[in-house]
Amino acid sequence: MSRDTHSGLRCPHCQTALTLVPAAGNPAVPALSPVVRDETPPPVHEVLAVYANRTKDTATALRGAARVRDSFNRARMAAAQRRAAQKAAQQRPARSA
């Protein structure tokens, strides 16, 4: 065996002889093109609807989204009121005994 076909390198796990592969710039080896996907994946709710044997119901989805938005807005307003009450309580002067 020549040095070109047998490099003397071995796999550290299985001790198999490793061979050297020419660089991609070598005209004898065709360059590999990267895999490019032009499409975007479908929305998760559509994929899950297929697995649940359901069809996507737009009206129900819109109602559910509106309920979630309302819930988030109520929670955000309650948190703002809590912060305002805490800030007001910290700014009040303490009573002297």
N, C-alpha and C. Protein backbone atom coordinates (compact mmCIF):
# COMPACT_ATOMS: atom_id res chain seq x y z
N MET A 1 0.84 -1.18 0.00
CA MET A 1 0.00 0.00 0.00
C MET A 1 0.88 1.24 0.00
N SER A 2 0.47 2.23 -0.79
CA SER A 2 1.24 3.46 -0.83
C SER A 2 0.75 4.41 0.25
N ARG A 3 1.50 5.44 0.48
CA ARG A 3 1.11 6.43 1.47
C ARG A 3 -0.13 7.20 1.05
N ASP A 4 -0.37 7.30 -0.26
CA ASP A 4 -1.54 8.03 -0.74
C ASP A 4 -2.84 7.31 -0.42
N THR A 5 -2.85 6.01 -0.47
CA THR A 5 -4.09 5.27 -0.21
C THR A 5 -4.21 4.85 1.24
N HIS A 6 -3.10 4.75 1.96
CA HIS A 6 -3.14 4.33 3.36
C HIS A 6 -2.36 5.35 4.18
N SER A 7 -3.10 6.16 4.93
CA SER A 7 -2.46 7.28 5.60
C SER A 7 -1.83 6.88 6.93
N GLY A 8 -2.20 5.77 7.49
CA GLY A 8 -1.68 5.40 8.79
C GLY A 8 -2.57 5.89 9.92
N LEU A 9 -3.58 6.69 9.58
CA LEU A 9 -4.52 7.15 10.60
C LEU A 9 -5.52 6.05 10.91
N ARG A 10 -5.88 5.95 12.17
CA ARG A 10 -6.85 4.93 12.58
C ARG A 10 -7.93 5.56 13.44
N CYS A 11 -9.11 5.00 13.35
CA CYS A 11 -10.22 5.45 14.17
C CYS A 11 -9.90 5.11 15.63
N PRO A 12 -10.04 6.08 16.55
CA PRO A 12 -9.71 5.79 17.94
C PRO A 12 -10.66 4.78 18.59
N HIS A 13 -11.82 4.59 18.01
CA HIS A 13 -12.79 3.68 18.62
C HIS A 13 -12.68 2.26 18.09
N CYS A 14 -12.69 2.13 16.76
CA CYS A 14 -12.72 0.77 16.19
C CYS A 14 -11.41 0.38 15.50
N GLN A 15 -10.44 1.29 15.48
CA GLN A 15 -9.13 1.05 14.88
C GLN A 15 -9.18 0.75 13.39
N THR A 16 -10.22 1.21 12.71
CA THR A 16 -10.32 1.05 11.27
C THR A 16 -9.41 2.08 10.59
N ALA A 17 -8.76 1.66 9.51
CA ALA A 17 -7.88 2.56 8.78
C ALA A 17 -8.70 3.66 8.12
N LEU A 18 -8.27 4.90 8.28
CA LEU A 18 -8.96 6.03 7.68
C LEU A 18 -8.24 6.44 6.42
N THR A 19 -8.99 6.80 5.38
CA THR A 19 -8.38 7.23 4.13
C THR A 19 -8.56 8.73 3.97
N LEU A 20 -7.65 9.35 3.27
CA LEU A 20 -7.72 10.77 3.01
C LEU A 20 -8.56 11.03 1.77
N VAL A 21 -9.39 12.05 1.83
CA VAL A 21 -10.26 12.41 0.72
C VAL A 21 -9.74 13.72 0.15
N PRO A 22 -9.69 13.86 -1.16
CA PRO A 22 -9.21 15.11 -1.76
C PRO A 22 -10.09 16.28 -1.35
N ALA A 23 -9.48 17.46 -1.32
CA ALA A 23 -10.20 18.67 -0.93
C ALA A 23 -11.25 19.01 -1.97
N ALA A 24 -12.24 19.81 -1.58
CA ALA A 24 -13.34 20.16 -2.48
C ALA A 24 -12.87 21.01 -3.65
N GLY A 25 -11.75 21.70 -3.52
CA GLY A 25 -11.24 22.53 -4.60
C GLY A 25 -10.63 21.73 -5.73
N ASN A 26 -10.44 20.45 -5.54
CA ASN A 26 -9.85 19.58 -6.54
C ASN A 26 -10.87 19.37 -7.67
N PRO A 27 -10.51 19.62 -8.92
CA PRO A 27 -11.48 19.46 -10.02
C PRO A 27 -11.91 18.01 -10.22
N ALA A 28 -11.18 17.04 -9.69
CA ALA A 28 -11.57 15.64 -9.86
C ALA A 28 -12.76 15.29 -8.98
N VAL A 29 -12.97 16.06 -7.93
CA VAL A 29 -14.07 15.79 -7.00
C VAL A 29 -15.14 16.86 -7.21
N PRO A 30 -16.36 16.47 -7.55
CA PRO A 30 -17.40 17.49 -7.74
C PRO A 30 -17.78 18.12 -6.40
N ALA A 31 -18.01 19.42 -6.42
CA ALA A 31 -18.38 20.12 -5.20
C ALA A 31 -19.82 19.76 -4.83
N LEU A 32 -20.05 19.56 -3.54
CA LEU A 32 -21.38 19.24 -3.06
C LEU A 32 -22.15 20.53 -2.86
N SER A 33 -23.36 20.57 -3.36
CA SER A 33 -24.17 21.76 -3.15
C SER A 33 -24.92 21.63 -1.83
N PRO A 34 -25.00 22.72 -1.07
CA PRO A 34 -25.72 22.64 0.19
C PRO A 34 -27.21 22.44 -0.05
N VAL A 35 -27.86 21.77 0.85
CA VAL A 35 -29.28 21.52 0.74
C VAL A 35 -30.01 22.79 1.19
N VAL A 36 -30.80 23.34 0.31
CA VAL A 36 -31.54 24.56 0.60
C VAL A 36 -33.02 24.26 0.45
N ARG A 37 -33.77 24.60 1.48
CA ARG A 37 -35.21 24.39 1.42
C ARG A 37 -35.87 25.76 1.25
N ASP A 38 -36.58 25.91 0.15
CA ASP A 38 -37.24 27.18 -0.12
C ASP A 38 -38.56 27.32 0.63
N GLU A 39 -39.15 26.19 0.98
CA GLU A 39 -40.46 26.24 1.62
C GLU A 39 -40.31 26.45 3.12
N THR A 40 -41.31 27.04 3.70
CA THR A 40 -41.34 27.19 5.15
C THR A 40 -42.24 26.11 5.71
N PRO A 41 -41.99 25.67 6.92
CA PRO A 41 -42.83 24.61 7.48
C PRO A 41 -44.23 25.14 7.76
N PRO A 42 -45.21 24.24 7.78
CA PRO A 42 -46.58 24.70 8.05
C PRO A 42 -46.72 25.12 9.51
N PRO A 43 -47.74 25.91 9.82
CA PRO A 43 -47.96 26.31 11.21
C PRO A 43 -48.22 25.09 12.09
N VAL A 44 -47.82 25.19 13.33
CA VAL A 44 -47.91 24.06 14.25
C VAL A 44 -49.36 23.62 14.43
N HIS A 45 -50.28 24.58 14.54
CA HIS A 45 -51.67 24.20 14.80
C HIS A 45 -52.25 23.37 13.65
N GLU A 46 -51.80 23.61 12.43
CA GLU A 46 -52.28 22.80 11.31
C GLU A 46 -51.71 21.39 11.37
N VAL A 47 -50.46 21.27 11.74
CA VAL A 47 -49.84 19.95 11.85
C VAL A 47 -50.51 19.14 12.96
N LEU A 48 -50.72 19.78 14.11
CA LEU A 48 -51.35 19.08 15.22
C LEU A 48 -52.79 18.72 14.92
N ALA A 49 -53.49 19.55 14.15
CA ALA A 49 -54.87 19.23 13.78
C ALA A 49 -54.93 17.96 12.95
N VAL A 50 -53.95 17.75 12.10
CA VAL A 50 -53.91 16.54 11.29
C VAL A 50 -53.74 15.32 12.19
N TYR A 51 -52.82 15.41 13.16
CA TYR A 51 -52.59 14.28 14.06
C TYR A 51 -53.79 14.02 14.97
N ALA A 52 -54.57 15.03 15.26
CA ALA A 52 -55.74 14.86 16.12
C ALA A 52 -56.98 14.52 15.30
N ASN A 53 -56.83 14.30 14.01
CA ASN A 53 -57.93 13.99 13.11
C ASN A 53 -59.00 15.08 13.13
N ARG A 54 -58.57 16.32 13.17
CA ARG A 54 -59.48 17.46 13.15
C ARG A 54 -59.13 18.35 11.98
N THR A 55 -60.10 19.11 11.57
CA THR A 55 -59.83 20.13 10.56
C THR A 55 -59.65 21.45 11.28
N LYS A 56 -58.95 22.35 10.65
CA LYS A 56 -58.72 23.66 11.26
C LYS A 56 -60.00 24.48 11.14
N ASP A 57 -60.54 24.90 12.28
CA ASP A 57 -61.74 25.72 12.30
C ASP A 57 -61.32 27.15 12.59
N THR A 58 -61.38 28.00 11.59
CA THR A 58 -60.89 29.36 11.72
C THR A 58 -61.68 30.16 12.74
N ALA A 59 -62.99 30.01 12.75
CA ALA A 59 -63.83 30.78 13.67
C ALA A 59 -63.49 30.44 15.12
N THR A 60 -63.36 29.16 15.40
CA THR A 60 -63.01 28.74 16.76
C THR A 60 -61.62 29.22 17.14
N ALA A 61 -60.69 29.15 16.20
CA ALA A 61 -59.32 29.60 16.47
C ALA A 61 -59.30 31.09 16.77
N LEU A 62 -60.07 31.87 16.03
CA LEU A 62 -60.12 33.32 16.26
C LEU A 62 -60.75 33.64 17.62
N ARG A 63 -61.81 32.91 17.97
CA ARG A 63 -62.43 33.13 19.29
C ARG A 63 -61.47 32.79 20.41
N GLY A 64 -60.75 31.67 20.26
CA GLY A 64 -59.78 31.27 21.28
C GLY A 64 -58.65 32.28 21.40
N ALA A 65 -58.18 32.79 20.28
CA ALA A 65 -57.11 33.79 20.31
C ALA A 65 -57.58 35.07 20.98
N ALA A 66 -58.84 35.46 20.72
CA ALA A 66 -59.39 36.66 21.35
C ALA A 66 -59.50 36.48 22.86
N ARG A 67 -59.90 35.30 23.29
CA ARG A 67 -59.99 35.04 24.73
C ARG A 67 -58.62 35.09 25.39
N VAL A 68 -57.62 34.55 24.73
CA VAL A 68 -56.26 34.57 25.28
C VAL A 68 -55.75 36.00 25.36
N ARG A 69 -55.99 36.79 24.30
CA ARG A 69 -55.58 38.20 24.32
C ARG A 69 -56.25 38.95 25.46
N ASP A 70 -57.56 38.74 25.65
CA ASP A 70 -58.28 39.40 26.74
C ASP A 70 -57.69 39.01 28.10
N SER A 71 -57.40 37.74 28.26
CA SER A 71 -56.82 37.27 29.52
C SER A 71 -55.46 37.92 29.77
N PHE A 72 -54.63 38.00 28.73
CA PHE A 72 -53.31 38.63 28.89
C PHE A 72 -53.45 40.11 29.23
N ASN A 73 -54.40 40.79 28.57
CA ASN A 73 -54.60 42.21 28.85
C ASN A 73 -55.07 42.42 30.28
N ARG A 74 -56.00 41.59 30.78
CA ARG A 74 -56.45 41.71 32.16
C ARG A 74 -55.29 41.48 33.13
N ALA A 75 -54.47 40.47 32.86
CA ALA A 75 -53.32 40.19 33.73
C ALA A 75 -52.33 41.35 33.70
N ARG A 76 -52.09 41.93 32.53
CA ARG A 76 -51.16 43.05 32.41
C ARG A 76 -51.67 44.27 33.19
N MET A 77 -53.00 44.54 33.10
CA MET A 77 -53.57 45.67 33.82
C MET A 77 -53.52 45.44 35.34
N ALA A 78 -53.78 44.22 35.77
CA ALA A 78 -53.74 43.91 37.21
C ALA A 78 -52.32 44.07 37.73
N ALA A 79 -51.34 43.65 36.96
CA ALA A 79 -49.94 43.79 37.38
C ALA A 79 -49.55 45.27 37.46
N ALA A 80 -50.01 46.07 36.51
CA ALA A 80 -49.70 47.50 36.55
C ALA A 80 -50.35 48.15 37.77
N GLN A 81 -51.57 47.77 38.09
CA GLN A 81 -52.22 48.31 39.29
C GLN A 81 -51.48 47.91 40.56
N ARG A 82 -51.02 46.65 40.61
CA ARG A 82 -50.25 46.19 41.78
C ARG A 82 -48.97 46.98 41.94
N ARG A 83 -48.27 47.19 40.84
CA ARG A 83 -47.01 47.96 40.90
C ARG A 83 -47.27 49.39 41.35
N ALA A 84 -48.35 49.99 40.83
CA ALA A 84 -48.68 51.37 41.22
C ALA A 84 -49.02 51.44 42.71
N ALA A 85 -49.76 50.44 43.21
CA ALA A 85 -50.11 50.43 44.64
C ALA A 85 -48.86 50.24 45.50
N GLN A 86 -47.94 49.37 45.07
CA GLN A 86 -46.70 49.16 45.82
C GLN A 86 -45.85 50.43 45.83
N LYS A 87 -45.78 51.10 44.69
CA LYS A 87 -44.98 52.32 44.60
C LYS A 87 -45.58 53.40 45.50
N ALA A 88 -46.90 53.51 45.50
CA ALA A 88 -47.57 54.51 46.35
C ALA A 88 -47.35 54.18 47.82
N ALA A 89 -47.38 52.91 48.18
CA ALA A 89 -47.18 52.52 49.57
C ALA A 89 -45.75 52.81 50.02
N GLN A 90 -44.78 52.69 49.12
CA GLN A 90 -43.39 52.97 49.48
C GLN A 90 -43.14 54.46 49.63
N GLN A 91 -43.87 55.28 48.92
CA GLN A 91 -43.65 56.73 48.98
C GLN A 91 -44.37 57.40 50.14
N ARG A 92 -45.33 56.72 50.78
CA ARG A 92 -46.04 57.31 51.93
C ARG A 92 -45.09 57.45 53.10
N PRO A 93 -45.13 58.58 53.77
CA PRO A 93 -44.24 58.71 54.94
C PRO A 93 -44.71 57.80 56.07
N ALA A 94 -43.75 57.26 56.80
CA ALA A 94 -44.08 56.37 57.91
C ALA A 94 -44.60 57.19 59.09
N ARG A 95 -45.53 56.64 59.83
CA ARG A 95 -46.08 57.32 61.01
C ARG A 95 -45.07 57.27 62.15
N SER A 96 -44.98 58.34 62.85
CA SER A 96 -44.09 58.31 64.02
C SER A 96 -44.94 58.01 65.26
N ALA A 97 -44.36 57.27 66.16
CA ALA A 97 -45.13 56.86 67.36
C ALA A 97 -45.06 57.85 68.46
